[in-house]
Protein backbone atom coordinates (compact mmCIF):
# COMPACT_ATOMS: atom_id res chain seq x y z
CA UNK A 1 131.03 105.20 112.15
CA UNK A 2 130.39 108.68 110.78
CA UNK A 3 127.61 111.09 111.79
CA UNK A 4 124.69 111.55 109.46
CA UNK A 5 124.95 114.32 106.86
CA UNK A 6 123.43 117.65 108.00
CA UNK A 7 120.81 117.39 105.24
CA UNK A 8 119.69 113.97 106.63
CA UNK A 9 119.50 115.35 110.13
CA UNK A 10 117.47 118.37 108.95
CA UNK A 11 115.14 116.08 107.01
CA UNK A 12 114.60 113.86 110.09
CA UNK A 13 113.94 116.95 112.25
CA UNK A 14 111.53 118.35 109.65
CA UNK A 15 109.72 115.02 109.44
CA UNK A 16 109.48 114.78 113.23
CA UNK A 17 108.04 118.29 113.52
CA UNK A 18 105.53 117.51 110.72
CA UNK A 19 104.45 114.37 112.59
CA UNK A 20 104.19 116.44 115.80
CA UNK A 21 101.98 119.03 114.03
CA UNK A 22 99.73 116.34 112.55
CA UNK A 23 99.48 114.59 115.89
CA UNK A 24 98.65 117.81 117.64
CA UNK A 25 95.93 118.63 115.14
CA UNK A 26 94.50 115.10 115.53
CA UNK A 27 94.56 115.26 119.32
CA UNK A 28 93.00 118.77 119.56
CA UNK A 29 90.18 117.91 117.26
CA UNK A 30 89.33 114.63 118.91
CA UNK A 31 90.00 112.86 115.64
CA UNK A 32 92.87 110.83 117.18
CA UNK A 33 90.54 109.16 119.62
CA UNK A 34 88.00 108.45 116.89
CA UNK A 35 90.73 106.88 114.74
CA UNK A 36 91.98 104.82 117.63
CA UNK A 37 88.49 103.46 118.19
CA UNK A 38 88.15 102.73 114.48
CA UNK A 39 91.43 100.81 114.58
CA UNK A 40 90.36 98.80 117.60
CA UNK A 41 87.11 97.85 115.92
CA UNK A 42 88.78 96.82 112.66
CA UNK A 43 91.43 94.75 114.41
CA UNK A 44 88.78 92.91 116.37
CA UNK A 45 86.65 92.39 113.24
CA UNK A 46 89.48 90.87 111.22
CA UNK A 47 90.57 88.55 114.01
CA UNK A 48 93.94 90.25 114.57
CA UNK A 49 93.34 90.78 118.26
CA UNK A 50 92.41 87.15 118.84
CA UNK A 51 95.43 85.89 116.88
CA UNK A 52 97.78 88.09 118.85
CA UNK A 53 96.16 86.99 122.11
CA UNK A 54 96.73 83.32 121.17
CA UNK A 55 100.39 84.06 120.38
CA UNK A 56 100.81 85.61 123.77
CA UNK A 57 99.26 82.60 125.44
CA UNK A 58 101.55 80.33 123.48
CA UNK A 59 104.64 82.28 124.49
CA UNK A 60 103.65 82.28 128.17
CA UNK A 61 102.92 78.55 128.02
CA UNK A 62 106.28 77.83 126.35
CA UNK A 63 108.30 79.91 128.82
CA UNK A 64 106.23 79.34 131.91
CA UNK A 65 104.11 81.92 133.67
CA UNK A 66 106.78 82.55 136.33
CA UNK A 67 109.53 82.95 133.76
CA UNK A 68 108.29 85.89 131.69
CA UNK A 69 107.31 89.43 132.71
CA UNK A 70 104.66 91.58 131.08
CA UNK A 71 107.36 93.83 129.73
CA UNK A 72 109.24 90.92 128.15
CA UNK A 73 106.07 89.67 126.56
CA UNK A 74 105.18 93.08 125.22
CA UNK A 75 108.75 93.56 123.84
CA UNK A 76 108.56 90.24 122.06
CA UNK A 77 104.99 90.48 120.70
CA UNK A 78 104.94 94.19 119.68
CA UNK A 79 106.95 93.70 116.42
CA UNK A 80 104.78 90.72 115.55
CA UNK A 81 101.65 92.76 116.12
CA UNK A 82 102.78 95.64 114.09
CA UNK A 83 103.87 93.41 111.23
CA UNK A 84 100.57 91.50 111.11
CA UNK A 85 98.13 94.36 110.95
CA UNK A 86 96.24 93.71 107.68
CA UNK A 87 97.07 96.06 104.80
CA UNK A 88 93.34 96.83 104.33
CA UNK A 89 93.16 98.15 107.94
CA UNK A 90 96.28 100.28 107.45
CA UNK A 91 94.92 101.62 104.13
CA UNK A 92 91.59 102.51 105.73
CA UNK A 93 93.26 104.35 108.60
CA UNK A 94 95.56 106.21 106.21
CA UNK A 95 92.64 107.22 104.04
CA UNK A 96 90.83 108.59 107.10
CA UNK A 97 93.90 110.60 108.13
CA UNK A 98 94.29 111.95 104.59
CA UNK A 99 90.63 113.00 104.46
CA UNK A 100 91.04 114.72 107.84
CA UNK A 101 94.15 116.64 106.69
CA UNK A 102 92.67 117.60 103.33
CA UNK A 103 91.87 121.32 102.98
């Protein structure tokens, strides 16, 4: 297997540093915490949290409480949780971030 082209590595590094800068700006302004709270509220409102909680209960029941660790459950449920966030919630959060970053 070959190594990524230097251009791809530079692009990835540039993307990471841009993400770091945006995250730093969000954290220092307090906007990150506000957005996290907004996300929590929207996920509860749309029933996402309850659905994920039920899936966790089902997994634990299927495997048995003694046969699954919290880390194993988190590893299994995280991709499901990310994939099932409603598009409308993602769009609202993205719009809020764009407004925050706008000059």
